[in-house]
Amino acid sequence: MKKFGICELVKKYPILIGFLLVVVLVGGLIVQKYWTQRQNTQSIIFPDNLARQGTIEQFQNPEDLIEYTITALKNQDLDLVLRACAIDEKLLGNPFYATLDKEQKFGYDMVLPPSADYEEYRPLSSMMLTKYYTEQYIKIQGQLKNQKDIKLKKVGILYSNTQLSSETLSEIIEFCSDWGAGASIQMAALLGTAQGDYMISFTVTNYYGYWKIFDFRAEMAEMKTGQFLKKISLEEYDTAVDSTDILSFTREMKDAMSDSEVVEKETQELIEDIEHPEKEVLPANYFIVGSSYGKTQEDAIEKFILALQRKNPVEALSYCNVDNATKQPNMVTSERINAQADYAKQISYLYYGLLGEAYFSGERTLKRSGETAMDILDRLNPQFIPYMNINMLLKVTDDKAREEEQYVAFYTFNGNCYISGYTLVKLDKNWQILSLSASESNLAVGEVKKISWETYHKWIDKD
């Protein structure tokens, strides 16, 4: 068999060899570009505690859920507490339309973004809800005063007869209908400490047979605003929380709320007996945003906007300066949760503004604006955001001492021209978005202004 050396192959097939070399070179460049982009882009991260695998799917018995949560609170384990909360359930059941229609008013901060109606808002609502529960966790820890000797003495139903009264049931049915829950119960637990006994209350909601904490407060516990723990005697606790069997009460509650056929099927289902609920780990139901960077100021803004056009607000948010808020990058911290939720709110403002809902503080009545709740819900549909064009980025100020720069961005969307602001910060050799604002141009956080084309051309001429 005749053997060909490399030189002979090149001489005999110069075009083919050249083509193959070009393919290898281009492929290498693509791989390098992809790898570099991966190094500068990290949408979601998994800190050590969030990376823990769940050991149980959900709790079917609300008493188990309370025992699990009390243990997590005692151990100051924010991650496990959040896993017990109805984060996913609330963002999917978010009654945006029903709330506006009932209240006959609307405000930027009045309700969660319409996450039940449009998927782009779901990660934003998730981050806001995670912050909401984190704030409750911090307040509870402050009132527990880091006591390590906490003992769970009792768990029970608050005023069981009152909860089953026709008037209260009517309110519960409406509440569950709004939030997509199957049932809702107000519960309480008695905690023993060296300083005496305390009561903590919960509103728990049921979804397809499992229970979640809807709120760390129950109206029937009659606590002051901002109070999560109340010092109480055993006699006072037993007056408010009777000895009603919890599982029997849940069945009775569902029976009173539902038709007999549904309840008959549910009551036949076996409730899993959890021997040590305090040792279980629920699945993660929230996420922590990572950090992505732009090589230049314009690159960071353009990648942020491109991510929004791709319907990926989480990737967009990763270009914001979330990392700066935490000193423990390998742990879930309240600082990072609060920071990403604040940026999520800014992005929701940006969505609203681009969709024609001009920024305003406070709330306005629908009568004053001549609109219905459905008009607003329809207008906030972000389905056409992918067709938004960014016309120009213009630097308006440069703070060299703080390595911060402000830009204004001009967009074309739905035949109109809009302007919003960006404040960027330099981190080593890369850039991130510090705020969706440009104070030098009178553009507040997340604010989007609709401008005339004449104004737009004046900006260009000024540049």
Protein backbone atom coordinates (compact mmCIF):
# COMPACT_ATOMS: atom_id res chain seq x y z
CA MET A 1 0.00 0.00 0.00
CA LYS A 2 1.34 3.38 -0.99
CA LYS A 3 1.93 5.76 1.94
CA PHE A 4 1.38 9.48 1.75
CA GLY A 5 3.34 11.93 3.90
CA ILE A 6 1.95 15.30 4.97
CA CYS A 7 3.78 17.11 2.16
CA GLU A 8 2.40 14.73 -0.46
CA LEU A 9 -1.15 15.20 0.89
CA VAL A 10 -0.82 18.99 0.80
CA LYS A 11 0.51 18.86 -2.77
CA LYS A 12 -2.20 16.49 -3.93
CA TYR A 13 -5.18 18.07 -2.06
CA PRO A 14 -4.25 21.72 -1.41
CA ILE A 15 -7.82 23.06 -1.56
CA LEU A 16 -9.25 20.33 0.69
CA ILE A 17 -6.45 20.70 3.25
CA GLY A 18 -6.86 24.48 3.22
CA PHE A 19 -10.59 24.14 3.75
CA LEU A 20 -10.09 21.75 6.69
CA LEU A 21 -7.59 24.12 8.31
CA VAL A 22 -10.05 27.01 8.01
CA VAL A 23 -12.79 24.86 9.59
CA VAL A 24 -10.50 23.92 12.49
CA LEU A 25 -9.46 27.56 12.97
CA VAL A 26 -13.02 28.90 12.91
CA GLY A 27 -14.17 26.11 15.23
CA GLY A 28 -11.41 26.95 17.66
CA LEU A 29 -12.37 30.62 17.64
CA ILE A 30 -16.02 29.73 18.28
CA VAL A 31 -15.07 27.49 21.20
CA GLN A 32 -12.78 30.18 22.60
CA LYS A 33 -15.51 32.81 22.26
CA TYR A 34 -18.04 30.51 23.93
CA TRP A 35 -15.62 29.73 26.78
CA THR A 36 -14.81 33.40 27.29
CA GLN A 37 -18.50 34.26 27.34
CA ARG A 38 -19.12 31.50 29.88
CA GLN A 39 -16.38 32.95 32.06
CA ASN A 40 -18.09 36.35 31.98
CA THR A 41 -21.65 35.03 32.31
CA GLN A 42 -23.13 33.20 35.28
CA SER A 43 -26.89 33.62 35.55
CA ILE A 44 -27.57 31.34 38.53
CA ILE A 45 -25.29 30.03 41.25
CA PHE A 46 -25.71 27.39 43.94
CA PRO A 47 -24.23 28.40 47.30
CA ASP A 48 -23.40 25.55 49.66
CA ASN A 49 -26.65 25.61 51.64
CA LEU A 50 -28.88 26.04 48.58
CA ALA A 51 -27.09 23.10 46.93
CA ARG A 52 -28.42 20.70 49.58
CA GLN A 53 -30.60 18.00 48.04
CA GLY A 54 -34.15 17.58 49.27
CA THR A 55 -34.96 14.47 51.30
CA ILE A 56 -38.75 14.80 51.08
CA GLU A 57 -41.04 16.13 48.35
CA GLN A 58 -43.48 18.07 50.55
CA PHE A 59 -45.34 17.86 53.88
CA GLN A 60 -48.89 16.51 53.79
CA ASN A 61 -49.45 17.28 57.45
CA PRO A 62 -49.28 20.99 58.41
CA GLU A 63 -48.04 20.02 61.88
CA ASP A 64 -44.93 18.46 60.30
CA LEU A 65 -44.40 21.66 58.31
CA ILE A 66 -44.51 23.77 61.49
CA GLU A 67 -42.10 21.46 63.34
CA TYR A 68 -39.69 21.58 60.38
CA THR A 69 -39.89 25.39 60.23
CA ILE A 70 -39.45 25.95 63.97
CA THR A 71 -36.29 23.82 63.90
CA ALA A 72 -34.94 25.80 60.94
CA LEU A 73 -35.70 29.08 62.75
CA LYS A 74 -34.01 27.79 65.89
CA ASN A 75 -30.92 26.79 63.88
CA GLN A 76 -30.93 30.15 62.07
CA ASP A 77 -31.08 28.32 58.74
CA LEU A 78 -32.52 30.84 56.29
CA ASP A 79 -32.30 28.42 53.37
CA LEU A 80 -34.46 25.74 55.01
CA VAL A 81 -37.00 28.33 56.19
CA LEU A 82 -37.41 29.66 52.65
CA ARG A 83 -37.98 26.14 51.32
CA ALA A 84 -41.05 25.90 53.59
CA CYS A 85 -42.59 29.08 52.17
CA ALA A 86 -45.15 29.33 49.35
CA ILE A 87 -42.82 31.16 46.93
CA ASP A 88 -43.63 29.23 43.73
CA GLU A 89 -47.26 28.83 44.72
CA LYS A 90 -47.80 32.55 45.35
CA LEU A 91 -46.11 33.73 42.14
CA LEU A 92 -48.23 31.30 40.09
CA GLY A 93 -51.42 32.17 41.94
CA ASN A 94 -50.70 35.91 42.08
CA PRO A 95 -54.13 37.62 41.79
CA PHE A 96 -52.92 40.71 39.92
CA TYR A 97 -56.14 41.25 37.99
CA ALA A 98 -58.44 40.34 40.90
CA THR A 99 -56.64 42.76 43.23
CA LEU A 100 -56.80 45.69 40.82
CA ASP A 101 -60.43 44.94 40.01
CA LYS A 102 -61.37 44.72 43.68
CA GLU A 103 -59.38 47.77 44.82
CA GLN A 104 -60.12 49.78 41.66
CA LYS A 105 -56.64 51.28 41.74
CA PHE A 106 -53.11 50.55 40.54
CA GLY A 107 -49.59 51.41 41.62
CA TYR A 108 -46.11 50.27 40.63
CA ASP A 109 -45.53 48.80 44.10
CA MET A 110 -49.11 47.91 44.94
CA VAL A 111 -48.89 44.24 43.94
CA LEU A 112 -46.41 41.73 42.56
CA PRO A 113 -45.83 41.91 38.79
CA PRO A 114 -48.44 39.83 36.91
CA SER A 115 -46.48 36.57 37.17
CA ALA A 116 -49.55 34.33 36.98
CA ASP A 117 -50.33 35.79 33.55
CA TYR A 118 -46.91 36.33 31.91
CA GLU A 119 -43.88 34.09 32.37
CA GLU A 120 -41.32 36.91 32.04
CA TYR A 121 -42.45 38.27 35.41
CA ARG A 122 -42.19 34.94 37.24
CA PRO A 123 -38.49 35.06 38.21
CA LEU A 124 -38.94 38.71 39.22
CA SER A 125 -41.89 37.84 41.48
CA SER A 126 -39.92 34.89 42.85
CA MET A 127 -37.06 37.15 43.92
CA MET A 128 -39.47 39.66 45.48
CA LEU A 129 -41.28 36.92 47.41
CA THR A 130 -37.97 35.46 48.57
CA LYS A 131 -37.09 38.88 49.96
CA TYR A 132 -40.51 39.16 51.61
CA TYR A 133 -40.06 35.91 53.51
CA THR A 134 -36.43 36.75 54.29
CA GLU A 135 -37.52 40.00 55.92
CA GLN A 136 -39.99 38.05 58.07
CA TYR A 137 -37.23 35.59 58.99
CA ILE A 138 -34.93 38.43 60.08
CA LYS A 139 -37.63 40.01 62.24
CA ILE A 140 -38.39 36.66 63.89
CA GLN A 141 -34.69 36.12 64.60
CA GLY A 142 -34.51 39.58 66.14
CA GLN A 143 -37.43 38.78 68.43
CA LEU A 144 -36.02 35.35 69.31
CA LYS A 145 -32.82 37.19 70.34
CA ASN A 146 -30.65 34.25 69.25
CA GLN A 147 -31.91 32.04 72.06
CA LYS A 148 -30.52 28.53 71.63
CA ASP A 149 -32.65 26.94 74.34
CA ILE A 150 -35.90 27.18 72.40
CA LYS A 151 -38.18 24.18 72.78
CA LEU A 152 -41.27 23.47 70.73
CA LYS A 153 -43.98 22.56 73.24
CA LYS A 154 -47.19 22.52 71.24
CA VAL A 155 -48.60 23.04 67.75
CA GLY A 156 -52.29 23.57 67.06
CA ILE A 157 -55.18 25.33 65.34
CA LEU A 158 -56.13 28.86 66.35
CA TYR A 159 -59.79 29.14 67.39
CA SER A 160 -60.85 26.10 65.38
CA ASN A 161 -64.59 26.71 65.81
CA THR A 162 -64.26 30.30 64.56
CA GLN A 163 -62.32 29.17 61.49
CA LEU A 164 -65.16 26.79 60.61
CA SER A 165 -67.87 29.41 61.05
CA SER A 166 -69.80 30.37 57.93
CA GLU A 167 -68.53 33.96 57.99
CA THR A 168 -64.85 32.99 58.30
CA LEU A 169 -65.23 30.17 55.77
CA SER A 170 -66.61 32.63 53.25
CA GLU A 171 -63.50 34.78 53.69
CA ILE A 172 -61.19 31.75 53.44
CA ILE A 173 -62.88 30.53 50.25
CA GLU A 174 -62.44 33.95 48.64
CA PHE A 175 -58.82 34.14 49.80
CA CYS A 176 -58.02 30.66 48.46
CA SER A 177 -59.78 31.43 45.18
CA ASP A 178 -57.63 34.54 44.73
CA TRP A 179 -54.34 32.75 45.46
CA GLY A 180 -55.07 29.37 43.88
CA ALA A 181 -54.94 27.44 47.18
CA GLY A 182 -57.08 24.47 48.13
CA ALA A 183 -57.41 25.43 51.79
CA SER A 184 -56.00 27.86 54.35
CA ILE A 185 -55.58 27.41 58.11
CA GLN A 186 -54.38 29.72 60.86
CA MET A 187 -52.06 27.89 63.25
CA ALA A 188 -49.86 28.62 66.24
CA ALA A 189 -46.98 27.05 68.15
CA LEU A 190 -45.95 27.38 71.79
CA LEU A 191 -42.23 27.93 72.29
CA GLY A 192 -40.54 27.48 75.64
CA THR A 193 -37.47 29.58 76.46
CA ALA A 194 -35.46 30.48 79.55
CA GLN A 195 -37.37 33.79 79.62
CA GLY A 196 -40.79 32.17 79.47
CA ASP A 197 -43.27 30.87 76.89
CA TYR A 198 -43.97 32.56 73.55
CA MET A 199 -46.53 32.03 70.81
CA ILE A 200 -45.64 32.23 67.13
CA SER A 201 -48.39 32.07 64.51
CA PHE A 202 -48.62 30.93 60.89
CA THR A 203 -51.04 31.05 57.98
CA VAL A 204 -50.57 27.83 56.03
CA THR A 205 -52.09 27.01 52.66
CA ASN A 206 -52.73 23.73 50.90
CA TYR A 207 -51.86 22.94 47.27
CA TYR A 208 -52.75 19.55 45.77
CA GLY A 209 -52.44 17.79 49.11
CA TYR A 210 -49.31 19.46 50.52
CA TRP A 211 -48.89 22.45 52.82
CA LYS A 212 -46.76 25.60 52.65
CA ILE A 213 -46.31 28.64 54.87
CA PHE A 214 -48.21 31.50 53.30
CA ASP A 215 -47.28 33.95 56.04
CA PHE A 216 -45.50 33.99 59.41
CA ARG A 217 -48.49 35.70 60.94
CA ALA A 218 -52.10 34.69 61.56
CA GLU A 219 -54.77 37.33 61.97
CA MET A 220 -56.44 35.42 64.80
CA ALA A 221 -53.25 35.54 66.88
CA GLU A 222 -53.98 39.25 67.40
CA MET A 223 -50.39 40.45 67.45
CA LYS A 224 -49.25 44.03 67.02
CA THR A 225 -47.93 45.23 63.66
CA GLY A 226 -44.41 43.90 63.19
CA GLN A 227 -44.78 41.43 66.07
CA PHE A 228 -44.13 37.76 65.31
CA LEU A 229 -43.72 36.43 68.84
CA LYS A 230 -45.99 37.10 71.81
CA LYS A 231 -45.22 36.23 75.40
CA ILE A 232 -48.03 34.08 76.67
CA SER A 233 -49.02 31.83 79.54
CA LEU A 234 -49.94 28.20 79.04
CA GLU A 235 -53.53 28.96 80.01
CA GLU A 236 -53.76 31.81 77.46
CA TYR A 237 -52.30 29.60 74.75
CA ASP A 238 -54.73 26.76 75.48
CA THR A 239 -57.61 29.22 75.26
CA ALA A 240 -56.57 30.34 71.77
CA VAL A 241 -55.32 26.95 70.56
CA ASP A 242 -57.50 24.03 71.58
CA SER A 243 -56.73 20.34 71.48
CA THR A 244 -58.42 19.71 68.11
CA ASP A 245 -56.67 16.99 66.11
CA ILE A 246 -54.90 18.81 63.28
CA LEU A 247 -55.41 16.24 60.52
CA SER A 248 -59.08 15.85 61.45
CA PHE A 249 -59.47 19.61 61.30
CA THR A 250 -57.85 19.85 57.85
CA ARG A 251 -60.30 17.28 56.53
CA GLU A 252 -63.21 19.12 58.14
CA MET A 253 -61.99 22.39 56.63
CA LYS A 254 -61.73 20.88 53.14
CA ASP A 255 -65.14 19.25 53.62
CA ALA A 256 -66.67 22.63 54.42
CA MET A 257 -64.97 24.26 51.42
CA SER A 258 -65.42 21.62 48.74
CA ASP A 259 -68.06 19.37 47.25
CA SER A 260 -68.45 15.94 48.83
CA GLU A 261 -67.05 13.92 45.90
CA VAL A 262 -63.73 15.75 45.94
CA VAL A 263 -63.40 15.54 49.69
CA GLU A 264 -64.30 11.86 49.77
CA LYS A 265 -61.43 11.17 47.41
CA GLU A 266 -59.01 13.32 49.42
CA THR A 267 -59.92 11.81 52.78
CA GLN A 268 -59.16 8.35 51.43
CA GLU A 269 -55.62 9.37 50.58
CA LEU A 270 -53.02 8.17 53.06
CA ILE A 271 -51.06 10.89 54.83
CA GLU A 272 -47.39 9.94 54.98
CA ASP A 273 -46.21 9.56 58.57
CA ILE A 274 -43.00 11.57 59.00
CA GLU A 275 -41.20 10.41 62.15
CA HIS A 276 -38.73 13.30 62.35
CA PRO A 277 -39.90 16.22 60.16
CA GLU A 278 -37.29 18.47 61.78
CA LYS A 279 -34.55 16.37 60.14
CA GLU A 280 -35.96 16.55 56.62
CA VAL A 281 -34.91 18.91 53.83
CA LEU A 282 -37.52 20.28 51.45
CA PRO A 283 -36.60 20.88 47.77
CA ALA A 284 -35.22 24.32 46.88
CA ASN A 285 -37.93 26.69 45.65
CA TYR A 286 -35.91 29.87 45.04
CA PHE A 287 -32.67 30.79 43.30
CA ILE A 288 -29.64 33.01 43.70
CA VAL A 289 -28.50 35.10 40.74
CA GLY A 290 -24.86 34.89 39.72
CA SER A 291 -22.64 37.59 38.28
CA SER A 292 -22.05 38.40 34.62
CA TYR A 293 -19.91 41.20 33.24
CA GLY A 294 -19.49 43.38 30.21
CA LYS A 295 -16.05 44.07 28.80
CA THR A 296 -17.06 47.70 28.33
CA GLN A 297 -19.83 49.93 29.63
CA GLU A 298 -21.77 49.62 26.39
CA ASP A 299 -21.20 45.86 26.31
CA ALA A 300 -22.78 45.43 29.77
CA ILE A 301 -25.86 47.46 28.81
CA GLU A 302 -26.27 45.76 25.44
CA LYS A 303 -26.01 42.27 26.97
CA PHE A 304 -28.51 43.26 29.65
CA ILE A 305 -31.02 44.41 27.02
CA LEU A 306 -30.33 41.39 24.80
CA ALA A 307 -31.17 39.09 27.71
CA LEU A 308 -34.50 40.89 28.15
CA GLN A 309 -35.18 40.49 24.44
CA ARG A 310 -34.50 36.77 24.86
CA LYS A 311 -37.15 36.71 27.60
CA ASN A 312 -34.48 35.91 30.19
CA PRO A 313 -34.71 38.51 32.98
CA VAL A 314 -32.53 36.33 35.25
CA GLU A 315 -29.61 36.57 32.83
CA ALA A 316 -30.26 40.29 32.49
CA LEU A 317 -30.19 40.73 36.26
CA SER A 318 -26.86 38.89 36.47
CA TYR A 319 -25.28 41.94 34.78
CA CYS A 320 -26.32 44.01 37.82
CA ASN A 321 -24.04 44.52 40.80
CA VAL A 322 -25.60 41.86 43.07
CA ASP A 323 -22.28 40.40 44.25
CA ASN A 324 -21.27 43.60 46.00
CA ALA A 325 -23.98 43.04 48.62
CA THR A 326 -22.50 39.94 50.25
CA LYS A 327 -19.31 38.99 52.02
CA GLN A 328 -20.21 35.28 52.03
CA PRO A 329 -20.31 34.23 48.35
CA ASN A 330 -20.69 30.54 49.22
CA MET A 331 -23.77 31.00 51.41
CA VAL A 332 -27.32 32.23 50.94
CA THR A 333 -27.44 35.58 52.72
CA SER A 334 -30.20 38.08 53.34
CA GLU A 335 -28.00 40.80 51.80
CA ARG A 336 -27.77 39.02 48.46
CA ILE A 337 -31.47 38.12 48.48
CA ASN A 338 -32.40 41.73 49.17
CA ALA A 339 -30.04 43.03 46.49
CA GLN A 340 -31.36 40.75 43.73
CA ALA A 341 -34.97 41.53 44.72
CA ASP A 342 -34.26 45.27 44.48
CA TYR A 343 -32.85 44.80 40.98
CA ALA A 344 -35.85 42.62 40.10
CA LYS A 345 -38.11 45.51 41.05
CA GLN A 346 -36.06 47.86 38.86
CA ILE A 347 -36.45 45.49 35.91
CA SER A 348 -40.21 45.28 36.48
CA TYR A 349 -40.29 49.11 36.42
CA LEU A 350 -38.36 49.01 33.13
CA TYR A 351 -40.86 46.55 31.67
CA TYR A 352 -43.80 48.69 32.77
CA GLY A 353 -42.30 51.86 31.31
CA LEU A 354 -41.43 50.30 27.95
CA LEU A 355 -44.94 48.86 27.76
CA GLY A 356 -46.49 52.30 28.08
CA GLU A 357 -47.21 52.43 31.82
CA ALA A 358 -45.46 55.71 32.66
CA TYR A 359 -43.75 55.78 36.05
CA PHE A 360 -45.58 57.37 38.96
CA SER A 361 -45.26 57.10 42.73
CA GLY A 362 -48.09 55.93 44.94
CA GLU A 363 -51.37 54.69 43.48
CA ARG A 364 -54.05 56.01 41.14
CA THR A 365 -57.69 55.06 40.84
CA LEU A 366 -58.86 53.31 37.70
CA LYS A 367 -61.75 55.75 37.49
CA ARG A 368 -59.33 58.65 37.26
CA SER A 369 -57.39 57.01 34.42
CA GLY A 370 -60.54 55.77 32.69
CA GLU A 371 -59.25 52.20 32.60
CA THR A 372 -60.24 48.76 33.78
CA ALA A 373 -58.07 46.19 35.54
CA MET A 374 -58.02 44.18 32.31
CA ASP A 375 -56.76 47.22 30.35
CA ILE A 376 -53.72 47.45 32.62
CA LEU A 377 -53.10 43.70 32.62
CA ASP A 378 -53.21 43.61 28.80
CA ARG A 379 -50.88 46.60 28.50
CA LEU A 380 -48.26 44.98 30.76
CA ASN A 381 -47.95 41.95 28.46
CA PRO A 382 -44.20 41.79 27.62
CA GLN A 383 -44.59 39.52 24.59
CA PHE A 384 -43.31 42.19 22.18
CA ILE A 385 -40.21 43.14 24.20
CA PRO A 386 -38.07 40.96 21.85
CA TYR A 387 -38.87 43.44 19.06
CA MET A 388 -37.56 46.43 21.01
CA ASN A 389 -34.61 48.18 19.37
CA ILE A 390 -31.93 50.13 21.15
CA ASN A 391 -31.04 53.12 18.98
CA MET A 392 -28.23 54.73 20.89
CA LEU A 393 -26.27 54.74 24.14
CA LEU A 394 -25.02 58.09 25.33
CA LYS A 395 -22.63 58.74 28.22
CA VAL A 396 -23.83 61.65 30.37
CA THR A 397 -21.37 61.68 33.28
CA ASP A 398 -18.11 60.07 34.40
CA ASP A 399 -17.10 59.78 38.06
CA LYS A 400 -13.47 58.66 37.77
CA ALA A 401 -12.88 58.65 41.54
CA ARG A 402 -15.65 56.09 42.12
CA GLU A 403 -15.17 54.43 38.72
CA GLU A 404 -18.83 54.97 37.91
CA GLU A 405 -20.41 56.23 34.70
CA GLN A 406 -23.96 57.18 33.77
CA TYR A 407 -25.55 56.45 30.41
CA VAL A 408 -28.91 57.06 28.80
CA ALA A 409 -30.36 54.54 26.39
CA PHE A 410 -32.78 55.35 23.57
CA TYR A 411 -35.22 52.65 22.45
CA THR A 412 -37.64 52.26 19.59
CA PHE A 413 -40.65 50.20 20.61
CA ASN A 414 -44.23 50.03 19.35
CA GLY A 415 -43.53 52.99 17.06
CA ASN A 416 -42.49 55.22 19.98
CA CYS A 417 -39.19 56.46 21.34
CA TYR A 418 -38.25 55.87 24.99
CA ILE A 419 -35.34 56.82 27.21
CA SER A 420 -34.00 55.25 30.42
CA GLY A 421 -30.86 55.52 32.50
CA TYR A 422 -28.00 53.24 33.52
CA THR A 423 -25.33 53.78 36.15
CA LEU A 424 -22.36 51.45 35.70
CA VAL A 425 -19.46 50.54 37.95
CA LYS A 426 -16.03 49.24 36.97
CA LEU A 427 -14.92 46.05 38.69
CA ASP A 428 -11.32 45.21 37.91
CA LYS A 429 -11.35 45.27 34.09
CA ASN A 430 -15.08 44.59 33.61
CA TRP A 431 -18.32 46.51 34.07
CA GLN A 432 -21.65 45.89 35.76
CA ILE A 433 -24.88 47.85 36.12
CA LEU A 434 -25.07 49.56 39.49
CA SER A 435 -28.54 50.99 38.94
CA LEU A 436 -31.15 51.35 36.20
CA SER A 437 -31.03 55.11 36.65
CA ALA A 438 -29.17 58.23 35.54
CA SER A 439 -29.58 60.94 38.14
CA GLU A 440 -27.73 63.47 35.99
CA SER A 441 -30.49 63.16 33.40
CA ASN A 442 -33.31 63.11 35.97
CA LEU A 443 -34.09 59.44 35.32
CA ALA A 444 -35.09 57.66 38.53
CA VAL A 445 -34.46 54.01 39.33
CA GLY A 446 -36.12 51.86 36.69
CA GLU A 447 -37.86 54.86 35.17
CA VAL A 448 -38.62 54.92 31.46
CA LYS A 449 -39.81 58.10 29.76
CA LYS A 450 -41.58 58.33 26.46
CA ILE A 451 -40.08 61.16 24.40
CA SER A 452 -40.88 62.74 21.06
CA TRP A 453 -38.70 62.12 18.04
CA GLU A 454 -37.88 65.82 18.09
CA THR A 455 -36.47 65.45 21.61
CA TYR A 456 -34.56 62.37 20.52
CA HIS A 457 -32.87 64.27 17.68
CA LYS A 458 -32.00 67.09 20.06
CA TRP A 459 -30.15 64.57 22.23
CA ILE A 460 -28.27 63.29 19.18
CA ASP A 461 -27.36 66.80 18.05
CA LYS A 462 -26.17 67.63 21.56
CA ASP A 463 -23.90 64.60 21.46
